Amino acid sequence: MLVTSAPTLIHRLLPRSVFCDACLRLRPGDTLEREPLVSRLLRLGYRRTSVVEIPGEFSVRGGIVDIYS
């Protein structure tokens, strides 16, 4: 028996391999080049905004990239 809501039932998931390829593991002290990170976020469907307020948004201010995931 599966108990779920209608919206959840029709929600499609990425294949595991696609999901794993899109993952980026960050640890304290890691450094990244800003532009490749921004390009990757855009390819993954994130939206660049001036202020980050909801999941799926990111902003760039100086050397800081603020990501709401």
C-alpha atoms as a PDB file:
ATOM      1  CA  MET A   1       0.000   0.000   0.000  1.00  0.00           C
ATOM      2  CA  LEU A   2       1.275   3.449  -0.915  1.00  0.00           C
ATOM      3  CA  VAL A   3      -0.174   6.501   0.802  1.00  0.00           C
ATOM      4  CA  THR A   4       0.701   9.831  -0.784  1.00  0.00           C
ATOM      5  CA  SER A   5      -0.836  13.056  -2.027  1.00  0.00           C
ATOM      6  CA  ALA A   6      -1.743  13.637  -5.681  1.00  0.00           C
ATOM      7  CA  PRO A   7       0.933  16.337  -6.212  1.00  0.00           C
ATOM      8  CA  THR A   8       3.604  14.026  -4.805  1.00  0.00           C
ATOM      9  CA  LEU A   9       2.424  11.138  -6.955  1.00  0.00           C
ATOM     10  CA  ILE A  10       2.902  13.093 -10.189  1.00  0.00           C
ATOM     11  CA  HIS A  11       6.217  14.695  -9.123  1.00  0.00           C
ATOM     12  CA  ARG A  12       8.962  13.309 -11.347  1.00  0.00           C
ATOM     13  CA  LEU A  13      12.399  12.482 -10.002  1.00  0.00           C
ATOM     14  CA  LEU A  14      15.749  12.621 -11.748  1.00  0.00           C
ATOM     15  CA  PRO A  15      17.535   9.357 -12.452  1.00  0.00           C
ATOM     16  CA  ARG A  16      20.049   8.634  -9.686  1.00  0.00           C
ATOM     17  CA  SER A  17      23.053   9.042 -12.007  1.00  0.00           C
ATOM     18  CA  VAL A  18      21.889  12.485 -13.160  1.00  0.00           C
ATOM     19  CA  PHE A  19      21.258  13.568  -9.577  1.00  0.00           C
ATOM     20  CA  CYS A  20      24.684  12.343  -8.401  1.00  0.00           C
ATOM     21  CA  ASP A  21      26.451  14.083 -11.297  1.00  0.00           C
ATOM     22  CA  ALA A  22      24.772  17.365 -10.307  1.00  0.00           C
ATOM     23  CA  CYS A  23      25.796  17.145  -6.633  1.00  0.00           C
ATOM     24  CA  LEU A  24      28.589  19.323  -5.336  1.00  0.00           C
ATOM     25  CA  ARG A  25      30.052  18.554  -1.925  1.00  0.00           C
ATOM     26  CA  LEU A  26      31.516  21.554  -0.126  1.00  0.00           C
ATOM     27  CA  ARG A  27      33.515  21.472   3.072  1.00  0.00           C
ATOM     28  CA  PRO A  28      34.765  24.281   5.316  1.00  0.00           C
ATOM     29  CA  GLY A  29      37.898  25.777   3.822  1.00  0.00           C
ATOM     30  CA  ASP A  30      37.130  24.683   0.242  1.00  0.00           C
ATOM     31  CA  THR A  31      37.685  27.320  -2.420  1.00  0.00           C
ATOM     32  CA  LEU A  32      35.918  27.520  -5.775  1.00  0.00           C
ATOM     33  CA  GLU A  33      36.199  29.762  -8.785  1.00  0.00           C
ATOM     34  CA  ARG A  34      33.136  32.009  -8.780  1.00  0.00           C
ATOM     35  CA  GLU A  35      32.185  31.968 -12.470  1.00  0.00           C
ATOM     36  CA  PRO A  36      32.223  28.159 -12.910  1.00  0.00           C
ATOM     37  CA  LEU A  37      30.092  27.874  -9.748  1.00  0.00           C
ATOM     38  CA  VAL A  38      27.617  30.482 -11.023  1.00  0.00           C
ATOM     39  CA  SER A  39      27.423  28.712 -14.407  1.00  0.00           C
ATOM     40  CA  ARG A  40      26.794  25.386 -12.702  1.00  0.00           C
ATOM     41  CA  LEU A  41      24.034  26.823 -10.515  1.00  0.00           C
ATOM     42  CA  LEU A  42      22.318  28.318 -13.564  1.00  0.00           C
ATOM     43  CA  ARG A  43      22.532  24.990 -15.447  1.00  0.00           C
ATOM     44  CA  LEU A  44      20.969  23.274 -12.435  1.00  0.00           C
ATOM     45  CA  GLY A  45      17.999  25.643 -12.550  1.00  0.00           C
ATOM     46  CA  TYR A  46      18.906  28.067  -9.775  1.00  0.00           C
ATOM     47  CA  ARG A  47      17.791  31.658 -10.288  1.00  0.00           C
ATOM     48  CA  ARG A  48      20.196  34.540  -9.716  1.00  0.00           C
ATOM     49  CA  THR A  49      18.665  37.292  -7.572  1.00  0.00           C
ATOM     50  CA  SER A  50      19.905  40.307  -5.659  1.00  0.00           C
ATOM     51  CA  VAL A  51      18.480  38.959  -2.369  1.00  0.00           C
ATOM     52  CA  VAL A  52      18.107  35.239  -1.628  1.00  0.00           C
ATOM     53  CA  GLU A  53      14.700  34.486  -0.120  1.00  0.00           C
ATOM     54  CA  ILE A  54      13.494  31.073  -1.297  1.00  0.00           C
ATOM     55  CA  PRO A  55      14.994  27.691  -2.221  1.00  0.00           C
ATOM     56  CA  GLY A  56      16.477  27.650  -5.705  1.00  0.00           C
ATOM     57  CA  GLU A  57      17.842  31.188  -5.580  1.00  0.00           C
ATOM     58  CA  PHE A  58      21.395  32.448  -5.308  1.00  0.00           C
ATOM     59  CA  SER A  59      23.119  35.819  -5.265  1.00  0.00           C
ATOM     60  CA  VAL A  60      26.667  37.032  -5.770  1.00  0.00           C
ATOM     61  CA  ARG A  61      27.997  39.901  -3.684  1.00  0.00           C
ATOM     62  CA  GLY A  62      31.695  40.529  -4.052  1.00  0.00           C
ATOM     63  CA  GLY A  63      33.494  37.282  -3.282  1.00  0.00           C
ATOM     64  CA  ILE A  64      30.462  35.703  -1.596  1.00  0.00           C
ATOM     65  CA  VAL A  65      27.994  33.394  -3.332  1.00  0.00           C
ATOM     66  CA  ASP A  66      24.833  32.994  -1.217  1.00  0.00           C
ATOM     67  CA  ILE A  67      22.880  29.835  -2.143  1.00  0.00           C
ATOM     68  CA  TYR A  68      19.470  28.790  -0.802  1.00  0.00           C
ATOM     69  CA  SER A  69      19.145  25.078  -1.543  1.00  0.00           C
END
